[in-house]
Amino acid sequence: MIKPRRRLAVLSGLFAIVLTGQFLQGQGANKPRIGFSIEATKGERWQTDLSSFEARAKQLGAEVISADANGDDDRQLQQVKDMIKAGINVLVLLPHDTEKASRIVDTAKSASVKVISYDRLVLNSDVDLYVSFDRVEIGTMQAEYLLKHAPTGNYVLIAGSPNDGGAKALHDAQMKVLQPHIDRGDIKVIADAYTRDWLPSEAYLFMLKAVDSAQGNIAAVLASNDGLAGGAIQALREHDLAGKVPVTGQDADLAAIICIAQGTQTMTVYKPVTNEAERAAEEAVRLAKGEKAHADGTISNGKAKVPSIMLKPVVVTKDNIKTTVVKDGFQTLKSINQVLSADQQIQ
């Protein structure tokens, strides 16, 4: 038989355990839970975004649940449904298909989950915030840079995925710059197409056909990102044209920075993605707490004027690699120089 004093001690201990459990449960309930749905983490870019986002969210006391849809729209929808069941307060969505992703937003909103459209704007949907870089500015930078280095001749345009609204915005901006020069007859676009899922292999095949059709007479290649540029450069290399034809890019991937140092790629557009990811994490936590997002403008997605945060991109050439991507810690001199010859080294 348990003595009264001992019984009291046991009951007090059990009461303390229950209280502690309730306290910890309360702490977990107050901790923001954020879902980060990524269309696919293949390649260098999105891995960097996710790592930076998770680190900043953790600093702010939030929990992050992430998922990689591997380029599958239905899988991305199901993964978001699973996140909602797991109790997320805010969804940060990097969509595979910017039109089909509206159903993902609808699903989240029906569960009272706030949605941040990350890097790509989900069209015709009620997203709460859009965080990205200005696609129009990027496309303008690429086209203007090419015109300075190749004011006349045959141009090849390699655009991104036809399912990505951002790819269309880039292409439209590029054409707005090029059109007056086309109309004057200074340049001629001999090949122009969107590229399935931004695949370098598709860009490679497209560039091979363009080179063959023009019998090697190519003045410039306007590739919308670094992966596409890499595919195009490989095709040019096989025709002994690499380094002789200006090629644009975007993202400042390590392979692209190395190509710029070697002279086979002319420029890339660096988007300080760590800033983008960290800002998205900060805004996600803010929304999870019921606060208003700190947007600096709005942009139409076809259904609503979406509060937006547009960050500034930077042109990177061989001359400023060290003062841009290296200075920011996005790439390192060691990783760049270890594959360069002595005369190509970035000092």
C-alpha atoms as a PDB file:
ATOM      1  CA  MET A   1       0.000   0.000   0.000  1.00  0.00           C
ATOM      2  CA  ILE A   2       1.343   3.447  -0.934  1.00  0.00           C
ATOM      3  CA  LYS A   3       1.665   5.730   2.053  1.00  0.00           C
ATOM      4  CA  PRO A   4      -0.178   9.105   1.904  1.00  0.00           C
ATOM      5  CA  ARG A   5       3.034  11.154   1.732  1.00  0.00           C
ATOM      6  CA  ARG A   6       4.474   8.925  -0.972  1.00  0.00           C
ATOM      7  CA  ARG A   7       1.158   8.987  -2.882  1.00  0.00           C
ATOM      8  CA  LEU A   8       1.258  12.792  -2.776  1.00  0.00           C
ATOM      9  CA  ALA A   9       4.790  12.813  -4.177  1.00  0.00           C
ATOM     10  CA  VAL A  10       3.807  10.449  -6.994  1.00  0.00           C
ATOM     11  CA  LEU A  11       0.733  12.509  -7.864  1.00  0.00           C
ATOM     12  CA  SER A  12       2.799  15.708  -7.788  1.00  0.00           C
ATOM     13  CA  GLY A  13       5.337  14.152 -10.160  1.00  0.00           C
ATOM     14  CA  LEU A  14       2.637  13.030 -12.562  1.00  0.00           C
ATOM     15  CA  PHE A  15       1.031  16.482 -12.440  1.00  0.00           C
ATOM     16  CA  ALA A  16       4.400  18.062 -13.250  1.00  0.00           C
ATOM     17  CA  ILE A  17       4.864  15.718 -16.213  1.00  0.00           C
ATOM     18  CA  VAL A  18       1.424  16.608 -17.566  1.00  0.00           C
ATOM     19  CA  LEU A  19       2.105  20.316 -17.140  1.00  0.00           C
ATOM     20  CA  THR A  20       5.507  19.972 -18.834  1.00  0.00           C
ATOM     21  CA  GLY A  21       3.925  18.088 -21.730  1.00  0.00           C
ATOM     22  CA  GLN A  22       1.290  20.768 -22.121  1.00  0.00           C
ATOM     23  CA  PHE A  23       3.970  23.483 -21.999  1.00  0.00           C
ATOM     24  CA  LEU A  24       6.069  21.784 -24.663  1.00  0.00           C
ATOM     25  CA  GLN A  25       2.984  21.172 -26.776  1.00  0.00           C
ATOM     26  CA  GLY A  26       2.130  24.844 -26.429  1.00  0.00           C
ATOM     27  CA  GLN A  27       5.651  25.787 -27.494  1.00  0.00           C
ATOM     28  CA  GLY A  28       5.357  23.574 -30.596  1.00  0.00           C
ATOM     29  CA  ALA A  29       1.972  25.057 -31.393  1.00  0.00           C
ATOM     30  CA  ASN A  30       3.415  28.570 -31.295  1.00  0.00           C
ATOM     31  CA  LYS A  31       6.347  27.662 -33.504  1.00  0.00           C
ATOM     32  CA  PRO A  32       5.657  28.670 -37.136  1.00  0.00           C
ATOM     33  CA  ARG A  33       5.565  25.691 -39.466  1.00  0.00           C
ATOM     34  CA  ILE A  34       6.399  26.524 -43.070  1.00  0.00           C
ATOM     35  CA  GLY A  35       6.132  24.301 -46.110  1.00  0.00           C
ATOM     36  CA  PHE A  36       8.603  24.796 -48.964  1.00  0.00           C
ATOM     37  CA  SER A  37       7.437  23.016 -52.108  1.00  0.00           C
ATOM     38  CA  ILE A  38      10.100  22.916 -54.828  1.00  0.00           C
ATOM     39  CA  GLU A  39       9.316  21.788 -58.358  1.00  0.00           C
ATOM     40  CA  ALA A  40      12.665  19.981 -58.585  1.00  0.00           C
ATOM     41  CA  THR A  41      15.991  20.391 -56.782  1.00  0.00           C
ATOM     42  CA  LYS A  42      18.053  19.162 -59.701  1.00  0.00           C
ATOM     43  CA  GLY A  43      20.992  21.432 -60.432  1.00  0.00           C
ATOM     44  CA  GLU A  44      22.897  23.861 -58.270  1.00  0.00           C
ATOM     45  CA  ARG A  45      20.378  26.685 -58.071  1.00  0.00           C
ATOM     46  CA  TRP A  46      17.456  25.333 -56.045  1.00  0.00           C
ATOM     47  CA  GLN A  47      19.680  23.464 -53.592  1.00  0.00           C
ATOM     48  CA  THR A  48      21.219  26.817 -52.665  1.00  0.00           C
ATOM     49  CA  ASP A  49      17.800  28.418 -52.243  1.00  0.00           C
ATOM     50  CA  LEU A  50      16.504  25.646 -49.994  1.00  0.00           C
ATOM     51  CA  SER A  51      19.581  25.603 -47.752  1.00  0.00           C
ATOM     52  CA  SER A  52      19.517  29.387 -47.327  1.00  0.00           C
ATOM     53  CA  PHE A  53      15.768  29.380 -46.664  1.00  0.00           C
ATOM     54  CA  GLU A  54      15.984  26.638 -44.045  1.00  0.00           C
ATOM     55  CA  ALA A  55      18.883  28.314 -42.248  1.00  0.00           C
ATOM     56  CA  ARG A  56      17.114  31.690 -42.007  1.00  0.00           C
ATOM     57  CA  ALA A  57      13.782  30.158 -40.987  1.00  0.00           C
ATOM     58  CA  LYS A  58      15.526  28.215 -38.223  1.00  0.00           C
ATOM     59  CA  GLN A  59      17.174  31.427 -36.983  1.00  0.00           C
ATOM     60  CA  LEU A  60      13.688  32.941 -36.742  1.00  0.00           C
ATOM     61  CA  GLY A  61      12.386  29.988 -34.746  1.00  0.00           C
ATOM     62  CA  ALA A  62      10.384  28.332 -37.523  1.00  0.00           C
ATOM     63  CA  GLU A  63      10.173  24.723 -38.604  1.00  0.00           C
ATOM     64  CA  VAL A  64      10.474  23.946 -42.323  1.00  0.00           C
ATOM     65  CA  ILE A  65       8.936  20.989 -44.132  1.00  0.00           C
ATOM     66  CA  SER A  66      10.293  20.712 -47.667  1.00  0.00           C
ATOM     67  CA  ALA A  67       9.503  18.468 -50.622  1.00  0.00           C
ATOM     68  CA  ASP A  68      10.909  17.934 -54.109  1.00  0.00           C
ATOM     69  CA  ALA A  69       8.296  17.174 -56.786  1.00  0.00           C
ATOM     70  CA  ASN A  70      10.878  16.095 -59.368  1.00  0.00           C
ATOM     71  CA  GLY A  71       9.097  18.034 -62.097  1.00  0.00           C
ATOM     72  CA  ASP A  72       5.745  16.308 -61.565  1.00  0.00           C
ATOM     73  CA  ASP A  73       2.716  18.613 -61.202  1.00  0.00           C
ATOM     74  CA  ASP A  74       0.467  15.974 -59.614  1.00  0.00           C
ATOM     75  CA  ARG A  75       3.176  14.972 -57.164  1.00  0.00           C
ATOM     76  CA  GLN A  76       3.688  18.599 -56.191  1.00  0.00           C
ATOM     77  CA  LEU A  77      -0.028  18.935 -55.437  1.00  0.00           C
ATOM     78  CA  GLN A  78      -0.052  15.762 -53.326  1.00  0.00           C
ATOM     79  CA  GLN A  79       3.068  16.847 -51.432  1.00  0.00           C
ATOM     80  CA  VAL A  80       1.417  20.153 -50.561  1.00  0.00           C
ATOM     81  CA  LYS A  81      -1.693  18.297 -49.355  1.00  0.00           C
ATOM     82  CA  ASP A  82       0.585  16.260 -47.086  1.00  0.00           C
ATOM     83  CA  MET A  83       2.197  19.459 -45.788  1.00  0.00           C
ATOM     84  CA  ILE A  84      -1.231  20.891 -44.994  1.00  0.00           C
ATOM     85  CA  LYS A  85      -2.103  17.725 -43.044  1.00  0.00           C
ATOM     86  CA  ALA A  86       1.191  18.180 -41.175  1.00  0.00           C
ATOM     87  CA  GLY A  87      -0.039  21.565 -40.003  1.00  0.00           C
ATOM     88  CA  ILE A  88       1.862  24.170 -42.022  1.00  0.00           C
ATOM     89  CA  ASN A  89       0.831  27.808 -41.508  1.00  0.00           C
ATOM     90  CA  VAL A  90       2.429  29.139 -44.687  1.00  0.00           C
ATOM     91  CA  LEU A  91       3.320  27.533 -48.014  1.00  0.00           C
ATOM     92  CA  VAL A  92       6.283  28.784 -50.022  1.00  0.00           C
ATOM     93  CA  LEU A  93       5.671  27.486 -53.524  1.00  0.00           C
ATOM     94  CA  LEU A  94       8.178  27.182 -56.365  1.00  0.00           C
ATOM     95  CA  PRO A  95       5.856  25.840 -59.076  1.00  0.00           C
ATOM     96  CA  HIS A  96       6.737  23.491 -61.907  1.00  0.00           C
ATOM     97  CA  ASP A  97       3.908  24.731 -64.134  1.00  0.00           C
ATOM     98  CA  THR A  98       2.891  28.287 -63.289  1.00  0.00           C
ATOM     99  CA  GLU A  99      -0.631  27.786 -64.681  1.00  0.00           C
ATOM    100  CA  LYS A 100      -1.426  24.340 -63.269  1.00  0.00           C
ATOM    101  CA  ALA A 101      -0.077  25.426 -59.880  1.00  0.00           C
ATOM    102  CA  SER A 102      -3.201  27.550 -59.305  1.00  0.00           C
ATOM    103  CA  ARG A 103      -4.908  24.386 -58.017  1.00  0.00           C
ATOM    104  CA  ILE A 104      -2.147  24.061 -55.419  1.00  0.00           C
ATOM    105  CA  VAL A 105      -2.806  27.608 -54.265  1.00  0.00           C
ATOM    106  CA  ASP A 106      -6.559  26.915 -54.137  1.00  0.00           C
ATOM    107  CA  THR A 107      -5.944  23.824 -52.006  1.00  0.00           C
ATOM    108  CA  ALA A 108      -3.760  25.757 -49.571  1.00  0.00           C
ATOM    109  CA  LYS A 109      -6.123  28.714 -49.328  1.00  0.00           C
ATOM    110  CA  SER A 110      -9.118  26.422 -48.645  1.00  0.00           C
ATOM    111  CA  ALA A 111      -7.173  25.214 -45.598  1.00  0.00           C
ATOM    112  CA  SER A 112      -6.450  28.824 -44.499  1.00  0.00           C
ATOM    113  CA  VAL A 113      -2.763  28.465 -45.390  1.00  0.00           C
ATOM    114  CA  LYS A 114      -1.019  31.605 -46.655  1.00  0.00           C
ATOM    115  CA  VAL A 115       0.914  31.204 -49.918  1.00  0.00           C
ATOM    116  CA  ILE A 116       4.152  32.845 -51.075  1.00  0.00           C
ATOM    117  CA  SER A 117       4.907  32.343 -54.765  1.00  0.00           C
ATOM    118  CA  TYR A 118       8.674  31.876 -54.876  1.00  0.00           C
ATOM    119  CA  ASP A 119      10.792  32.965 -57.863  1.00  0.00           C
ATOM    120  CA  ARG A 120       8.021  32.019 -60.332  1.00  0.00           C
ATOM    121  CA  LEU A 121       4.618  33.677 -60.169  1.00  0.00           C
ATOM    122  CA  VAL A 122       1.651  31.321 -60.010  1.00  0.00           C
ATOM    123  CA  LEU A 123      -0.856  32.620 -62.540  1.00  0.00           C
ATOM    124  CA  ASN A 124      -4.582  33.231 -62.007  1.00  0.00           C
ATOM    125  CA  SER A 125      -4.439  32.548 -58.279  1.00  0.00           C
ATOM    126  CA  ASP A 126      -4.847  34.235 -54.895  1.00  0.00           C
ATOM    127  CA  VAL A 127      -1.245  34.103 -53.714  1.00  0.00           C
ATOM    128  CA  ASP A 128      -0.448  36.372 -50.777  1.00  0.00           C
ATOM    129  CA  LEU A 129       3.051  37.408 -51.853  1.00  0.00           C
ATOM    130  CA  TYR A 130       5.502  37.022 -54.727  1.00  0.00           C
ATOM    131  CA  VAL A 131       9.257  37.068 -54.033  1.00  0.00           C
ATOM    132  CA  SER A 132      11.597  37.049 -57.020  1.00  0.00           C
ATOM    133  CA  PHE A 133      13.898  38.964 -59.318  1.00  0.00           C
ATOM    134  CA  ASP A 134      12.622  41.214 -62.075  1.00  0.00           C
ATOM    135  CA  ARG A 135      12.405  38.987 -65.170  1.00  0.00           C
ATOM    136  CA  VAL A 136      11.953  41.980 -67.457  1.00  0.00           C
ATOM    137  CA  GLU A 137      15.167  43.531 -66.171  1.00  0.00           C
ATOM    138  CA  ILE A 138      17.058  40.247 -66.574  1.00  0.00           C
ATOM    139  CA  GLY A 139      15.890  39.731 -70.160  1.00  0.00           C
ATOM    140  CA  THR A 140      16.732  43.333 -70.981  1.00  0.00           C
ATOM    141  CA  MET A 141      20.224  42.953 -69.498  1.00  0.00           C
ATOM    142  CA  GLN A 142      20.905  39.837 -71.566  1.00  0.00           C
ATOM    143  CA  ALA A 143      19.730  41.287 -74.875  1.00  0.00           C
ATOM    144  CA  GLU A 144      21.430  44.670 -74.420  1.00  0.00           C
ATOM    145  CA  TYR A 145      24.715  43.002 -73.513  1.00  0.00           C
ATOM    146  CA  LEU A 146      24.622  40.832 -76.637  1.00  0.00           C
ATOM    147  CA  LEU A 147      23.858  43.777 -78.903  1.00  0.00           C
ATOM    148  CA  LYS A 148      26.948  45.585 -77.617  1.00  0.00           C
ATOM    149  CA  HIS A 149      29.123  42.592 -78.475  1.00  0.00           C
ATOM    150  CA  ALA A 150      27.337  41.433 -81.626  1.00  0.00           C
ATOM    151  CA  PRO A 151      25.407  44.349 -83.173  1.00  0.00           C
ATOM    152  CA  THR A 152      24.833  42.503 -86.444  1.00  0.00           C
ATOM    153  CA  GLY A 153      24.415  38.963 -87.712  1.00  0.00           C
ATOM    154  CA  ASN A 154      22.508  35.750 -87.037  1.00  0.00           C
ATOM    155  CA  TYR A 155      21.045  35.299 -83.548  1.00  0.00           C
ATOM    156  CA  VAL A 156      19.913  32.098 -81.845  1.00  0.00           C
ATOM    157  CA  LEU A 157      17.423  32.448 -78.960  1.00  0.00           C
ATOM    158  CA  ILE A 158      17.081  29.577 -76.473  1.00  0.00           C
ATOM    159  CA  ALA A 159      14.256  30.254 -74.027  1.00  0.00           C
ATOM    160  CA  GLY A 160      13.221  28.336 -70.912  1.00  0.00           C
ATOM    161  CA  SER A 161      10.336  25.990 -70.252  1.00  0.00           C
ATOM    162  CA  PRO A 162       7.039  26.677 -72.036  1.00  0.00           C
ATOM    163  CA  ASN A 163       5.313  25.820 -68.711  1.00  0.00           C
ATOM    164  CA  ASP A 164       7.136  28.588 -66.865  1.00  0.00           C
ATOM    165  CA  GLY A 165       5.540  32.025 -67.052  1.00  0.00           C
ATOM    166  CA  GLY A 166       8.876  33.520 -66.052  1.00  0.00           C
ATOM    167  CA  ALA A 167      10.469  32.063 -69.186  1.00  0.00           C
ATOM    168  CA  LYS A 168       7.913  33.867 -71.312  1.00  0.00           C
ATOM    169  CA  ALA A 169       8.498  37.138 -69.430  1.00  0.00           C
ATOM    170  CA  LEU A 170      12.236  36.786 -70.086  1.00  0.00           C
ATOM    171  CA  HIS A 171      11.726  36.057 -73.777  1.00  0.00           C
ATOM    172  CA  ASP A 172       9.306  38.953 -74.213  1.00  0.00           C
ATOM    173  CA  ALA A 173      11.783  41.343 -72.587  1.00  0.00           C
ATOM    174  CA  GLN A 174      14.595  40.084 -74.810  1.00  0.00           C
ATOM    175  CA  MET A 175      12.514  40.524 -77.944  1.00  0.00           C
ATOM    176  CA  LYS A 176      11.459  44.032 -76.950  1.00  0.00           C
ATOM    177  CA  VAL A 177      15.136  45.027 -76.994  1.00  0.00           C
ATOM    178  CA  LEU A 178      15.990  43.075 -80.154  1.00  0.00           C
ATOM    179  CA  GLN A 179      12.954  43.956 -82.278  1.00  0.00           C
ATOM    180  CA  PRO A 180      14.115  47.406 -83.502  1.00  0.00           C
ATOM    181  CA  HIS A 181      17.415  45.845 -84.614  1.00  0.00           C
ATOM    182  CA  ILE A 182      15.526  43.031 -86.352  1.00  0.00           C
ATOM    183  CA  ASP A 183      13.263  45.542 -88.096  1.00  0.00           C
ATOM    184  CA  ARG A 184      16.306  47.465 -89.363  1.00  0.00           C
ATOM    185  CA  GLY A 185      17.828  44.276 -90.678  1.00  0.00           C
ATOM    186  CA  ASP A 186      20.899  44.539 -88.449  1.00  0.00           C
ATOM    187  CA  ILE A 187      20.265  41.163 -86.856  1.00  0.00           C
ATOM    188  CA  LYS A 188      18.322  38.099 -87.958  1.00  0.00           C
ATOM    189  CA  VAL A 189      16.850  35.550 -85.532  1.00  0.00           C
ATOM    190  CA  ILE A 190      17.477  32.260 -87.318  1.00  0.00           C
ATOM    191  CA  ALA A 191      16.342  29.978 -84.485  1.00  0.00           C
ATOM    192  CA  ASP A 192      14.073  30.681 -81.530  1.00  0.00           C
ATOM    193  CA  ALA A 193      12.323  28.171 -79.253  1.00  0.00           C
ATOM    194  CA  TYR A 194      11.305  27.339 -75.705  1.00  0.00           C
ATOM    195  CA  THR A 195      13.102  24.426 -74.059  1.00  0.00           C
ATOM    196  CA  ARG A 196      11.352  21.584 -72.221  1.00  0.00           C
ATOM    197  CA  ASP A 197      11.984  21.839 -68.460  1.00  0.00           C
ATOM    198  CA  TRP A 198      15.002  24.104 -69.098  1.00  0.00           C
ATOM    199  CA  LEU A 199      16.998  20.983 -70.028  1.00  0.00           C
ATOM    200  CA  PRO A 200      20.614  21.595 -71.198  1.00  0.00           C
ATOM    201  CA  SER A 201      20.396  18.466 -73.343  1.00  0.00           C
ATOM    202  CA  GLU A 202      17.479  19.988 -75.272  1.00  0.00           C
ATOM    203  CA  ALA A 203      19.426  23.236 -75.716  1.00  0.00           C
ATOM    204  CA  TYR A 204      22.392  21.248 -77.033  1.00  0.00           C
ATOM    205  CA  LEU A 205      20.293  19.512 -79.697  1.00  0.00           C
ATOM    206  CA  PHE A 206      18.570  22.767 -80.659  1.00  0.00           C
ATOM    207  CA  MET A 207      21.916  24.540 -81.012  1.00  0.00           C
ATOM    208  CA  LEU A 208      23.348  21.741 -83.151  1.00  0.00           C
ATOM    209  CA  LYS A 209      20.474  22.148 -85.609  1.00  0.00           C
ATOM    210  CA  ALA A 210      20.846  25.929 -85.626  1.00  0.00           C
ATOM    211  CA  VAL A 211      24.575  25.743 -86.369  1.00  0.00           C
ATOM    212  CA  ASP A 212      24.007  23.240 -89.160  1.00  0.00           C
ATOM    213  CA  SER A 213      21.183  25.257 -90.741  1.00  0.00           C
ATOM    214  CA  ALA A 214      23.279  28.437 -90.682  1.00  0.00           C
ATOM    215  CA  GLN A 215      26.389  26.561 -91.838  1.00  0.00           C
ATOM    216  CA  GLY A 216      28.208  27.856 -88.789  1.00  0.00           C
ATOM    217  CA  ASN A 217      27.364  31.498 -89.422  1.00  0.00           C
ATOM    218  CA  ILE A 218      26.221  32.392 -85.880  1.00  0.00           C
ATOM    219  CA  ALA A 219      26.804  35.865 -84.416  1.00  0.00           C
ATOM    220  CA  ALA A 220      25.310  35.404 -80.942  1.00  0.00           C
ATOM    221  CA  VAL A 221      23.388  33.017 -78.676  1.00  0.00           C
ATOM    222  CA  LEU A 222      20.827  34.434 -76.263  1.00  0.00           C
ATOM    223  CA  ALA A 223      20.439  31.591 -73.766  1.00  0.00           C
ATOM    224  CA  SER A 224      17.992  32.386 -70.976  1.00  0.00           C
ATOM    225  CA  ASN A 225      19.912  30.601 -68.211  1.00  0.00           C
ATOM    226  CA  ASP A 226      23.266  28.967 -67.543  1.00  0.00           C
ATOM    227  CA  GLY A 227      22.062  25.417 -68.072  1.00  0.00           C
ATOM    228  CA  LEU A 228      20.833  26.298 -71.551  1.00  0.00           C
ATOM    229  CA  ALA A 229      24.051  28.203 -72.189  1.00  0.00           C
ATOM    230  CA  GLY A 230      26.060  25.117 -71.230  1.00  0.00           C
ATOM    231  CA  GLY A 231      24.161  22.978 -73.734  1.00  0.00           C
ATOM    232  CA  ALA A 232      24.650  25.582 -76.450  1.00  0.00           C
ATOM    233  CA  ILE A 233      28.367  25.921 -75.698  1.00  0.00           C
ATOM    234  CA  GLN A 234      28.848  22.175 -76.039  1.00  0.00           C
ATOM    235  CA  ALA A 235      27.273  22.299 -79.503  1.00  0.00           C
ATOM    236  CA  LEU A 236      29.430  25.289 -80.449  1.00  0.00           C
ATOM    237  CA  ARG A 237      32.522  23.486 -79.169  1.00  0.00           C
ATOM    238  CA  GLU A 238      31.824  20.543 -81.456  1.00  0.00           C
ATOM    239  CA  HIS A 239      31.853  22.967 -84.385  1.00  0.00           C
ATOM    240  CA  ASP A 240      34.975  24.796 -83.191  1.00  0.00           C
ATOM    241  CA  LEU A 241      32.892  27.901 -82.416  1.00  0.00           C
ATOM    242  CA  ALA A 242      33.120  27.983 -78.609  1.00  0.00           C
ATOM    243  CA  GLY A 243      34.724  31.252 -77.517  1.00  0.00           C
ATOM    244  CA  LYS A 244      34.060  32.816 -80.923  1.00  0.00           C
ATOM    245  CA  VAL A 245      30.319  33.398 -80.401  1.00  0.00           C
ATOM    246  CA  PRO A 246      28.977  35.502 -77.499  1.00  0.00           C
ATOM    247  CA  VAL A 247      26.660  33.475 -75.213  1.00  0.00           C
ATOM    248  CA  THR A 248      24.481  34.828 -72.411  1.00  0.00           C
ATOM    249  CA  GLY A 249      23.212  33.065 -69.287  1.00  0.00           C
ATOM    250  CA  GLN A 250      21.538  33.489 -65.929  1.00  0.00           C
ATOM    251  CA  ASP A 251      22.050  32.168 -62.359  1.00  0.00           C
ATOM    252  CA  ALA A 252      25.864  32.403 -62.009  1.00  0.00           C
ATOM    253  CA  ASP A 253      26.214  28.622 -61.656  1.00  0.00           C
ATOM    254  CA  LEU A 254      29.756  27.428 -60.977  1.00  0.00           C
ATOM    255  CA  ALA A 255      30.044  25.796 -64.419  1.00  0.00           C
ATOM    256  CA  ALA A 256      28.982  29.057 -66.056  1.00  0.00           C
ATOM    257  CA  ILE A 257      31.448  31.137 -64.060  1.00  0.00           C
ATOM    258  CA  ILE A 258      34.209  28.756 -65.136  1.00  0.00           C
ATOM    259  CA  CYS A 259      33.088  29.072 -68.777  1.00  0.00           C
ATOM    260  CA  ILE A 260      33.161  32.862 -68.451  1.00  0.00           C
ATOM    261  CA  ALA A 261      36.711  32.707 -67.072  1.00  0.00           C
ATOM    262  CA  GLN A 262      37.667  30.435 -69.984  1.00  0.00           C
ATOM    263  CA  GLY A 263      35.997  32.722 -72.519  1.00  0.00           C
ATOM    264  CA  THR A 264      33.348  30.321 -73.860  1.00  0.00           C
ATOM    265  CA  GLN A 265      30.439  32.094 -72.128  1.00  0.00           C
ATOM    266  CA  THR A 266      30.294  35.875 -72.310  1.00  0.00           C
ATOM    267  CA  MET A 267      28.109  36.793 -69.344  1.00  0.00           C
ATOM    268  CA  THR A 268      25.608  35.590 -66.807  1.00  0.00           C
ATOM    269  CA  VAL A 269      23.044  37.371 -64.698  1.00  0.00           C
ATOM    270  CA  TYR A 270      23.725  36.856 -61.011  1.00  0.00           C
ATOM    271  CA  LYS A 271      20.712  36.814 -58.766  1.00  0.00           C
ATOM    272  CA  PRO A 272      21.785  36.936 -55.099  1.00  0.00           C
ATOM    273  CA  VAL A 273      19.520  33.960 -54.334  1.00  0.00           C
ATOM    274  CA  THR A 274      20.612  33.799 -50.715  1.00  0.00           C
ATOM    275  CA  ASN A 275      18.976  37.208 -50.282  1.00  0.00           C
ATOM    276  CA  GLU A 276      15.862  35.963 -52.072  1.00  0.00           C
ATOM    277  CA  ALA A 277      15.589  32.830 -49.929  1.00  0.00           C
ATOM    278  CA  GLU A 278      16.244  34.673 -46.678  1.00  0.00           C
ATOM    279  CA  ARG A 279      13.709  37.376 -47.519  1.00  0.00           C
ATOM    280  CA  ALA A 280      11.115  34.709 -48.349  1.00  0.00           C
ATOM    281  CA  ALA A 281      11.781  33.011 -45.007  1.00  0.00           C
ATOM    282  CA  GLU A 282      11.391  36.304 -43.159  1.00  0.00           C
ATOM    283  CA  GLU A 283       8.106  37.061 -44.917  1.00  0.00           C
ATOM    284  CA  ALA A 284       6.826  33.511 -44.344  1.00  0.00           C
ATOM    285  CA  VAL A 285       7.404  33.846 -40.610  1.00  0.00           C
ATOM    286  CA  ARG A 286       5.754  37.263 -40.667  1.00  0.00           C
ATOM    287  CA  LEU A 287       2.659  35.841 -42.394  1.00  0.00           C
ATOM    288  CA  ALA A 288       2.584  32.856 -40.027  1.00  0.00           C
ATOM    289  CA  LYS A 289       2.355  35.307 -37.118  1.00  0.00           C
ATOM    290  CA  GLY A 290      -0.612  37.024 -38.719  1.00  0.00           C
ATOM    291  CA  GLU A 291       1.377  40.095 -39.705  1.00  0.00           C
ATOM    292  CA  LYS A 292       1.264  41.900 -43.044  1.00  0.00           C
ATOM    293  CA  ALA A 293       3.968  41.152 -45.616  1.00  0.00           C
ATOM    294  CA  HIS A 294       6.467  43.929 -46.311  1.00  0.00           C
ATOM    295  CA  ALA A 295       5.978  44.153 -50.080  1.00  0.00           C
ATOM    296  CA  ASP A 296       7.426  46.951 -52.188  1.00  0.00           C
ATOM    297  CA  GLY A 297       4.923  46.832 -55.059  1.00  0.00           C
ATOM    298  CA  THR A 298       2.362  44.688 -56.847  1.00  0.00           C
ATOM    299  CA  ILE A 299       2.277  42.581 -59.993  1.00  0.00           C
ATOM    300  CA  SER A 300      -0.682  41.117 -61.869  1.00  0.00           C
ATOM    301  CA  ASN A 301      -0.943  37.347 -62.188  1.00  0.00           C
ATOM    302  CA  GLY A 302      -4.072  37.510 -64.349  1.00  0.00           C
ATOM    303  CA  LYS A 303      -6.468  37.312 -61.419  1.00  0.00           C
ATOM    304  CA  ALA A 304      -5.176  39.726 -58.795  1.00  0.00           C
ATOM    305  CA  LYS A 305      -2.625  42.409 -58.043  1.00  0.00           C
ATOM    306  CA  VAL A 306      -0.168  40.366 -56.019  1.00  0.00           C
ATOM    307  CA  PRO A 307       1.999  42.116 -53.388  1.00  0.00           C
ATOM    308  CA  SER A 308       5.557  41.620 -54.589  1.00  0.00           C
ATOM    309  CA  ILE A 309       9.198  41.912 -53.615  1.00  0.00           C
ATOM    310  CA  MET A 310      11.493  42.325 -56.614  1.00  0.00           C
ATOM    311  CA  LEU A 311      15.216  41.976 -55.934  1.00  0.00           C
ATOM    312  CA  LYS A 312      17.960  43.404 -58.166  1.00  0.00           C
ATOM    313  CA  PRO A 313      19.985  41.186 -60.546  1.00  0.00           C
ATOM    314  CA  VAL A 314      23.631  41.863 -61.496  1.00  0.00           C
ATOM    315  CA  VAL A 315      25.495  41.317 -64.783  1.00  0.00           C
ATOM    316  CA  VAL A 316      28.617  39.180 -64.284  1.00  0.00           C
ATOM    317  CA  THR A 317      31.478  39.088 -66.776  1.00  0.00           C
ATOM    318  CA  LYS A 318      35.076  37.968 -66.581  1.00  0.00           C
ATOM    319  CA  ASP A 319      36.008  41.415 -65.272  1.00  0.00           C
ATOM    320  CA  ASN A 320      33.831  41.378 -62.154  1.00  0.00           C
ATOM    321  CA  ILE A 321      33.634  37.735 -61.041  1.00  0.00           C
ATOM    322  CA  LYS A 322      35.682  38.510 -57.946  1.00  0.00           C
ATOM    323  CA  THR A 323      33.685  41.584 -56.936  1.00  0.00           C
ATOM    324  CA  THR A 324      30.272  39.931 -57.352  1.00  0.00           C
ATOM    325  CA  VAL A 325      29.770  36.188 -56.869  1.00  0.00           C
ATOM    326  CA  VAL A 326      33.059  35.642 -55.023  1.00  0.00           C
ATOM    327  CA  LYS A 327      32.651  38.685 -52.782  1.00  0.00           C
ATOM    328  CA  ASP A 328      29.161  37.517 -51.793  1.00  0.00           C
ATOM    329  CA  GLY A 329      30.391  33.991 -51.078  1.00  0.00           C
ATOM    330  CA  PHE A 330      28.100  32.559 -53.758  1.00  0.00           C
ATOM    331  CA  GLN A 331      31.129  30.970 -55.463  1.00  0.00           C
ATOM    332  CA  THR A 332      34.697  30.601 -54.215  1.00  0.00           C
ATOM    333  CA  LEU A 333      37.981  31.349 -55.950  1.00  0.00           C
ATOM    334  CA  LYS A 334      39.198  27.875 -55.039  1.00  0.00           C
ATOM    335  CA  SER A 335      36.286  26.112 -56.749  1.00  0.00           C
ATOM    336  CA  ILE A 336      36.615  28.359 -59.815  1.00  0.00           C
ATOM    337  CA  ASN A 337      40.393  28.302 -60.197  1.00  0.00           C
ATOM    338  CA  GLN A 338      40.972  24.609 -59.560  1.00  0.00           C
ATOM    339  CA  VAL A 339      39.832  23.746 -63.091  1.00  0.00           C
ATOM    340  CA  LEU A 340      41.349  26.751 -64.867  1.00  0.00           C
ATOM    341  CA  SER A 341      44.708  26.888 -66.571  1.00  0.00           C
ATOM    342  CA  ALA A 342      47.364  29.242 -65.175  1.00  0.00           C
ATOM    343  CA  ASP A 343      46.596  32.017 -67.651  1.00  0.00           C
ATOM    344  CA  GLN A 344      42.844  31.830 -66.903  1.00  0.00           C
ATOM    345  CA  GLN A 345      43.080  32.072 -63.124  1.00  0.00           C
ATOM    346  CA  ILE A 346      40.985  34.696 -61.327  1.00  0.00           C
ATOM    347  CA  GLN A 347      43.334  36.657 -59.082  1.00  0.00           C
END
